[in-house]
């Protein structure tokens, strides 16, 4: 399988939040892995999220992100 990632991803199991809808909507998530350029998160209903949103990692700062793929409750995101 060919590796398409631009940077190394570290395994994580950290709580986070996805913020969207002009900061009026929030959805909890869990970060499974994360790098400087993106992450894989677990979220209850990824199909409800818009293409672009803000993610907050527990104990970290907010980052703009966009949805790259999703399957079941997993979603790959890229940081803007």
Protein backbone atom coordinates (compact mmCIF):
# COMPACT_ATOMS: atom_id res chain seq x y z
CA UNK A 1 0.00 0.00 0.00
CA UNK A 2 1.38 3.40 -0.97
CA UNK A 3 1.80 6.03 1.74
CA UNK A 4 0.15 9.34 0.76
CA UNK A 5 0.76 11.29 3.96
CA UNK A 6 3.09 14.27 3.86
CA UNK A 7 4.17 13.95 7.49
CA UNK A 8 4.44 11.24 10.14
CA UNK A 9 1.30 10.66 12.21
CA UNK A 10 1.55 9.82 15.88
CA UNK A 11 -1.00 7.53 17.48
CA UNK A 12 -3.19 9.41 19.95
CA UNK A 13 -6.32 8.85 21.93
CA UNK A 14 -7.28 12.40 22.86
CA UNK A 15 -10.67 13.97 23.24
CA UNK A 16 -11.53 16.92 21.06
CA UNK A 17 -14.34 18.94 19.56
CA UNK A 18 -15.46 19.82 16.07
CA UNK A 19 -16.91 23.34 15.87
CA UNK A 20 -18.98 24.48 12.88
CA UNK A 21 -22.04 26.49 11.81
CA UNK A 22 -20.48 29.85 12.74
CA UNK A 23 -19.43 28.39 16.09
CA UNK A 24 -23.07 27.59 16.95
CA UNK A 25 -22.66 23.80 16.69
CA UNK A 26 -20.22 21.50 18.47
CA UNK A 27 -19.64 17.76 18.11
CA UNK A 28 -17.37 15.70 20.38
CA UNK A 29 -14.66 13.60 18.76
CA UNK A 30 -11.64 11.43 19.60
CA UNK A 31 -8.30 11.89 17.84
CA UNK A 32 -6.90 8.48 16.81
CA UNK A 33 -3.75 9.84 15.17
CA UNK A 34 -2.45 13.31 14.43
CA UNK A 35 0.36 15.03 12.51
CA UNK A 36 1.28 18.56 11.51
CA UNK A 37 -0.87 18.28 8.37
CA UNK A 38 -3.91 16.25 9.44
CA UNK A 39 -5.53 13.64 11.64
CA UNK A 40 -7.93 10.74 11.85
CA UNK A 41 -10.82 11.31 14.23
CA UNK A 42 -13.75 9.30 15.50
CA UNK A 43 -17.04 11.19 15.42
CA UNK A 44 -20.63 9.97 15.82
CA UNK A 45 -22.10 11.26 12.55
CA UNK A 46 -19.37 12.52 10.19
CA UNK A 47 -21.82 12.92 7.30
CA UNK A 48 -23.50 15.78 9.23
CA UNK A 49 -20.31 17.86 9.27
CA UNK A 50 -19.67 20.51 6.61
CA UNK A 51 -16.63 20.30 4.32
CA UNK A 52 -14.71 22.82 6.48
CA UNK A 53 -14.77 23.34 10.25
CA UNK A 54 -12.59 24.02 13.30
CA UNK A 55 -11.17 21.27 15.53
CA UNK A 56 -10.01 21.67 19.12
CA UNK A 57 -7.69 19.06 20.59
CA UNK A 58 -8.01 18.68 24.35
CA UNK A 59 -5.23 20.78 25.89
CA UNK A 60 -4.30 22.32 22.53
CA UNK A 61 -5.30 25.12 20.25
CA UNK A 62 -8.04 25.40 17.62
CA UNK A 63 -7.16 24.54 14.02
CA UNK A 64 -9.05 25.02 10.78
CA UNK A 65 -9.63 21.72 9.01
CA UNK A 66 -11.40 20.15 6.08
CA UNK A 67 -12.98 16.74 5.60
CA UNK A 68 -10.94 14.50 3.29
CA UNK A 69 -12.76 11.17 3.72
CA UNK A 70 -15.11 9.37 6.10
CA UNK A 71 -16.24 5.79 6.66
CA UNK A 72 -18.66 4.73 9.39
CA UNK A 73 -17.62 6.86 12.36
CA UNK A 74 -14.00 7.52 11.24
CA UNK A 75 -12.96 10.64 9.38
CA UNK A 76 -9.69 11.82 7.86
CA UNK A 77 -9.09 15.56 8.08
CA UNK A 78 -6.49 17.93 6.69
CA UNK A 79 -5.45 21.06 8.55
CA UNK A 80 -5.64 24.36 6.64
